């Protein structure tokens, strides 16, 4: 009886062990599936991270290239702006020089004009004086002419008396 009891206990222990083994195997299979899913997910994330890392490197490279182009463009614009500023400065200097030359020429012409006006005024005064003197000489000549005619007339009368 005791042997049967031991056999029964052992049988129950075997059944329990088989059940426990089946539960452990089932749990192991579930964990294996879960682990495989986690490994696949981790691999997928790793691949995505690698892809993103690669894309980031490409974007950084493109950004650096654009940055370099922008710097070159800005440098070019700065050079162009500096050239324009230089050209404008040169034009200003030329304009100032031309202005100074025109002012000097204007001053010279002003002096010449003033001298010509003074000379013209002097000549006008001289012409007026000469005109006045000519009028006096003509008047005197006319007076002498009249005296001469009177004298001639007087001589002719005297001559006629003598004849």
C-alpha atoms as a PDB file:
ATOM      1  CA  UNK A   1       0.000   0.000   0.000  1.00  0.00           C
ATOM      2  CA  UNK A   2       2.758   2.296   0.836  1.00  0.00           C
ATOM      3  CA  UNK A   3       4.502   1.329  -2.322  1.00  0.00           C
ATOM      4  CA  UNK A   4       1.401   2.163  -4.258  1.00  0.00           C
ATOM      5  CA  UNK A   5       1.259   5.457  -2.432  1.00  0.00           C
ATOM      6  CA  UNK A   6       4.894   6.164  -3.305  1.00  0.00           C
ATOM      7  CA  UNK A   7       4.236   5.096  -6.879  1.00  0.00           C
ATOM      8  CA  UNK A   8       1.212   7.396  -6.953  1.00  0.00           C
ATOM      9  CA  UNK A   9       3.203  10.272  -5.453  1.00  0.00           C
ATOM     10  CA  UNK A  10       5.965   9.655  -7.919  1.00  0.00           C
ATOM     11  CA  UNK A  11       3.456   9.487 -10.746  1.00  0.00           C
ATOM     12  CA  UNK A  12       1.936  12.783  -9.590  1.00  0.00           C
ATOM     13  CA  UNK A  13       5.403  14.266  -9.319  1.00  0.00           C
ATOM     14  CA  UNK A  14       6.144  13.052 -12.853  1.00  0.00           C
ATOM     15  CA  UNK A  15       2.866  14.523 -14.097  1.00  0.00           C
ATOM     16  CA  UNK A  16       3.648  17.751 -12.252  1.00  0.00           C
ATOM     17  CA  UNK A  17       7.185  17.718 -13.622  1.00  0.00           C
ATOM     18  CA  UNK A  18       5.865  17.023 -17.173  1.00  0.00           C
ATOM     19  CA  UNK A  19       3.279  19.804 -16.754  1.00  0.00           C
ATOM     20  CA  UNK A  20       5.948  22.095 -15.334  1.00  0.00           C
ATOM     21  CA  UNK A  21       8.273  21.089 -18.185  1.00  0.00           C
ATOM     22  CA  UNK A  22       5.530  21.771 -20.737  1.00  0.00           C
ATOM     23  CA  UNK A  23       4.837  25.143 -19.055  1.00  0.00           C
ATOM     24  CA  UNK A  24       8.554  25.960 -19.044  1.00  0.00           C
ATOM     25  CA  UNK A  25       8.864  24.910 -22.700  1.00  0.00           C
ATOM     26  CA  UNK A  26       5.812  27.017 -23.581  1.00  0.00           C
ATOM     27  CA  UNK A  27       7.237  29.938 -21.568  1.00  0.00           C
ATOM     28  CA  UNK A  28      10.631  29.357 -23.211  1.00  0.00           C
ATOM     29  CA  UNK A  29       8.993  29.370 -26.676  1.00  0.00           C
ATOM     30  CA  UNK A  30       7.110  32.569 -25.817  1.00  0.00           C
ATOM     31  CA  UNK A  31      10.294  34.186 -24.507  1.00  0.00           C
ATOM     32  CA  UNK A  32      12.158  32.961 -27.590  1.00  0.00           C
ATOM     33  CA  UNK A  33       9.522  34.552 -29.851  1.00  0.00           C
ATOM     34  CA  UNK A  34       9.541  37.708 -27.770  1.00  0.00           C
ATOM     35  CA  UNK A  35      13.353  37.745 -27.821  1.00  0.00           C
ATOM     36  CA  UNK A  36      13.378  37.169 -31.603  1.00  0.00           C
ATOM     37  CA  UNK A  37      10.866  40.007 -32.048  1.00  0.00           C
ATOM     38  CA  UNK A  38      12.978  42.259 -29.812  1.00  0.00           C
ATOM     39  CA  UNK A  39      16.160  41.289 -31.687  1.00  0.00           C
ATOM     40  CA  UNK A  40      14.416  41.926 -35.036  1.00  0.00           C
ATOM     41  CA  UNK A  41      13.094  45.255 -33.729  1.00  0.00           C
ATOM     42  CA  UNK A  42      16.549  46.163 -32.388  1.00  0.00           C
ATOM     43  CA  UNK A  43      18.120  45.193 -35.735  1.00  0.00           C
ATOM     44  CA  UNK A  44      15.479  47.229 -37.560  1.00  0.00           C
ATOM     45  CA  UNK A  45      16.137  50.238 -35.285  1.00  0.00           C
ATOM     46  CA  UNK A  46      19.877  49.756 -35.704  1.00  0.00           C
ATOM     47  CA  UNK A  47      19.455  49.740 -39.506  1.00  0.00           C
ATOM     48  CA  UNK A  48      17.191  52.799 -39.320  1.00  0.00           C
ATOM     49  CA  UNK A  49      19.716  54.539 -37.068  1.00  0.00           C
ATOM     50  CA  UNK A  50      22.501  53.689 -39.524  1.00  0.00           C
ATOM     51  CA  UNK A  51      20.360  54.970 -42.392  1.00  0.00           C
ATOM     52  CA  UNK A  52      19.570  58.168 -40.461  1.00  0.00           C
ATOM     53  CA  UNK A  53      23.244  58.522 -39.536  1.00  0.00           C
ATOM     54  CA  UNK A  54      24.158  58.178 -43.226  1.00  0.00           C
ATOM     55  CA  UNK A  55      21.440  60.666 -44.232  1.00  0.00           C
ATOM     56  CA  UNK A  56      22.622  63.049 -41.515  1.00  0.00           C
ATOM     57  CA  UNK A  57      26.180  62.789 -42.829  1.00  0.00           C
ATOM     58  CA  UNK A  58      24.905  63.544 -46.356  1.00  0.00           C
ATOM     59  CA  UNK A  59      22.860  66.507 -45.101  1.00  0.00           C
ATOM     60  CA  UNK A  60      25.851  67.785 -43.107  1.00  0.00           C
ATOM     61  CA  UNK A  61      28.043  67.431 -46.190  1.00  0.00           C
ATOM     62  CA  UNK A  62      25.490  69.248 -48.336  1.00  0.00           C
ATOM     63  CA  UNK A  63      25.133  71.917 -45.647  1.00  0.00           C
ATOM     64  CA  UNK A  64      28.905  72.365 -45.511  1.00  0.00           C
ATOM     65  CA  UNK A  65      28.987  72.618 -49.298  1.00  0.00           C
ATOM     66  CA  UNK A  66      26.182  75.184 -49.286  1.00  0.00           C
ATOM     67  CA  UNK A  67      27.926  77.039 -46.484  1.00  0.00           C
ATOM     68  CA  UNK A  68      31.120  77.142 -48.552  1.00  0.00           C
ATOM     69  CA  UNK A  69      29.158  78.303 -51.614  1.00  0.00           C
ATOM     70  CA  UNK A  70      27.416  80.930 -49.505  1.00  0.00           C
ATOM     71  CA  UNK A  71      30.750  82.152 -48.150  1.00  0.00           C
ATOM     72  CA  UNK A  72      32.158  82.286 -51.687  1.00  0.00           C
ATOM     73  CA  UNK A  73      29.046  84.068 -52.881  1.00  0.00           C
ATOM     74  CA  UNK A  74      29.194  86.535 -49.983  1.00  0.00           C
ATOM     75  CA  UNK A  75      32.919  86.981 -50.554  1.00  0.00           C
ATOM     76  CA  UNK A  76      32.195  87.613 -54.224  1.00  0.00           C
ATOM     77  CA  UNK A  77      29.475  90.094 -53.301  1.00  0.00           C
ATOM     78  CA  UNK A  78      31.803  91.746 -50.813  1.00  0.00           C
ATOM     79  CA  UNK A  79      34.530  91.983 -53.467  1.00  0.00           C
ATOM     80  CA  UNK A  80      32.004  93.341 -55.963  1.00  0.00           C
ATOM     81  CA  UNK A  81      30.734  95.810 -53.374  1.00  0.00           C
ATOM     82  CA  UNK A  82      34.297  96.871 -52.557  1.00  0.00           C
ATOM     83  CA  UNK A  83      35.005  97.277 -56.291  1.00  0.00           C
ATOM     84  CA  UNK A  84      31.862  99.387 -56.666  1.00  0.00           C
ATOM     85  CA  UNK A  85      32.879 101.455 -53.645  1.00  0.00           C
ATOM     86  CA  UNK A  86      36.369 101.856 -55.134  1.00  0.00           C
ATOM     87  CA  UNK A  87      34.925 102.839 -58.509  1.00  0.00           C
ATOM     88  CA  UNK A  88      32.583 105.304 -56.832  1.00  0.00           C
ATOM     89  CA  UNK A  89      35.515 106.760 -54.869  1.00  0.00           C
ATOM     90  CA  UNK A  90      37.544 107.090 -58.080  1.00  0.00           C
ATOM     91  CA  UNK A  91      34.564 108.706 -59.800  1.00  0.00           C
ATOM     92  CA  UNK A  92      34.251 111.090 -56.842  1.00  0.00           C
ATOM     93  CA  UNK A  93      37.947 111.946 -57.051  1.00  0.00           C
ATOM     94  CA  UNK A  94      37.666 112.475 -60.807  1.00  0.00           C
ATOM     95  CA  UNK A  95      34.526 114.555 -60.323  1.00  0.00           C
ATOM     96  CA  UNK A  96      36.261 116.619 -57.619  1.00  0.00           C
ATOM     97  CA  UNK A  97      39.302 117.069 -59.872  1.00  0.00           C
ATOM     98  CA  UNK A  98      37.089 118.026 -62.796  1.00  0.00           C
ATOM     99  CA  UNK A  99      35.184 120.409 -60.526  1.00  0.00           C
ATOM    100  CA  UNK A 100      38.441 122.003 -59.366  1.00  0.00           C
ATOM    101  CA  UNK A 101      39.643 122.282 -62.992  1.00  0.00           C
ATOM    102  CA  UNK A 102      36.330 123.851 -64.047  1.00  0.00           C
ATOM    103  CA  UNK A 103      36.469 126.271 -61.115  1.00  0.00           C
ATOM    104  CA  UNK A 104      40.040 127.224 -62.018  1.00  0.00           C
ATOM    105  CA  UNK A 105      39.060 127.654 -65.688  1.00  0.00           C
ATOM    106  CA  UNK A 106      36.001 129.658 -64.602  1.00  0.00           C
ATOM    107  CA  UNK A 107      38.183 131.904 -62.437  1.00  0.00           C
ATOM    108  CA  UNK A 108      40.611 132.373 -65.356  1.00  0.00           C
ATOM    109  CA  UNK A 109      37.730 133.188 -67.714  1.00  0.00           C
ATOM    110  CA  UNK A 110      36.309 135.562 -65.113  1.00  0.00           C
ATOM    111  CA  UNK A 111      39.656 137.382 -64.924  1.00  0.00           C
ATOM    112  CA  UNK A 112      39.911 137.480 -68.737  1.00  0.00           C
ATOM    113  CA  UNK A 113      36.337 138.696 -68.971  1.00  0.00           C
ATOM    114  CA  UNK A 114      36.955 141.352 -66.332  1.00  0.00           C
ATOM    115  CA  UNK A 115      40.093 142.459 -68.183  1.00  0.00           C
ATOM    116  CA  UNK A 116      38.162 142.542 -71.485  1.00  0.00           C
ATOM    117  CA  UNK A 117      35.315 144.507 -69.892  1.00  0.00           C
ATOM    118  CA  UNK A 118      37.828 146.947 -68.387  1.00  0.00           C
ATOM    119  CA  UNK A 119      39.623 147.234 -71.724  1.00  0.00           C
ATOM    120  CA  UNK A 120      36.311 147.735 -73.549  1.00  0.00           C
ATOM    121  CA  UNK A 121      35.321 150.431 -71.046  1.00  0.00           C
ATOM    122  CA  UNK A 122      38.718 152.111 -71.492  1.00  0.00           C
ATOM    123  CA  UNK A 123      38.365 151.967 -75.298  1.00  0.00           C
ATOM    124  CA  UNK A 124      34.819 153.289 -75.057  1.00  0.00           C
ATOM    125  CA  UNK A 125      36.027 156.190 -72.927  1.00  0.00           C
ATOM    126  CA  UNK A 126      38.920 156.772 -75.335  1.00  0.00           C
ATOM    127  CA  UNK A 127      36.510 156.622 -78.291  1.00  0.00           C
ATOM    128  CA  UNK A 128      34.196 159.105 -76.548  1.00  0.00           C
ATOM    129  CA  UNK A 129      37.168 161.377 -75.872  1.00  0.00           C
ATOM    130  CA  UNK A 130      38.351 161.058 -79.470  1.00  0.00           C
ATOM    131  CA  UNK A 131      34.800 161.679 -80.705  1.00  0.00           C
ATOM    132  CA  UNK A 132      34.632 164.789 -78.546  1.00  0.00           C
ATOM    133  CA  UNK A 133      38.066 165.921 -79.741  1.00  0.00           C
ATOM    134  CA  UNK A 134      37.032 165.214 -83.350  1.00  0.00           C
ATOM    135  CA  UNK A 135      33.901 167.282 -82.848  1.00  0.00           C
ATOM    136  CA  UNK A 136      36.056 170.126 -81.453  1.00  0.00           C
ATOM    137  CA  UNK A 137      38.498 169.818 -84.356  1.00  0.00           C
ATOM    138  CA  UNK A 138      35.615 169.781 -86.875  1.00  0.00           C
ATOM    139  CA  UNK A 139      34.094 172.797 -85.168  1.00  0.00           C
ATOM    140  CA  UNK A 140      37.431 174.591 -85.242  1.00  0.00           C
ATOM    141  CA  UNK A 141      37.951 173.506 -88.858  1.00  0.00           C
ATOM    142  CA  UNK A 142      34.522 174.795 -89.787  1.00  0.00           C
ATOM    143  CA  UNK A 143      35.276 178.025 -88.006  1.00  0.00           C
ATOM    144  CA  UNK A 144      38.602 178.336 -89.847  1.00  0.00           C
ATOM    145  CA  UNK A 145      36.890 177.433 -93.082  1.00  0.00           C
ATOM    146  CA  UNK A 146      34.343 180.156 -92.509  1.00  0.00           C
ATOM    147  CA  UNK A 147      37.134 182.612 -91.659  1.00  0.00           C
ATOM    148  CA  UNK A 148      39.030 181.527 -94.766  1.00  0.00           C
ATOM    149  CA  UNK A 149      35.952 182.029 -96.932  1.00  0.00           C
ATOM    150  CA  UNK A 150      35.389 185.431 -95.370  1.00  0.00           C
ATOM    151  CA  UNK A 151      39.011 186.259 -95.873  1.00  0.00           C
ATOM    152  CA  UNK A 152      38.904 185.076 -99.469  1.00  0.00           C
ATOM    153  CA  UNK A 153      35.702 186.932-100.029  1.00  0.00           C
ATOM    154  CA  UNK A 154      37.306 190.009 -98.444  1.00  0.00           C
ATOM    155  CA  UNK A 155      40.395 189.640-100.686  1.00  0.00           C
ATOM    156  CA  UNK A 156      38.240 189.179-103.724  1.00  0.00           C
ATOM    157  CA  UNK A 157      36.312 192.386-102.914  1.00  0.00           C
ATOM    158  CA  UNK A 158      39.537 194.216-102.306  1.00  0.00           C
ATOM    159  CA  UNK A 159      40.958 192.856-105.504  1.00  0.00           C
ATOM    160  CA  UNK A 160      37.851 193.944-107.327  1.00  0.00           C
ATOM    161  CA  UNK A 161      38.214 197.394-105.851  1.00  0.00           C
ATOM    162  CA  UNK A 162      41.771 197.552-107.003  1.00  0.00           C
ATOM    163  CA  UNK A 163      40.809 196.530-110.535  1.00  0.00           C
END
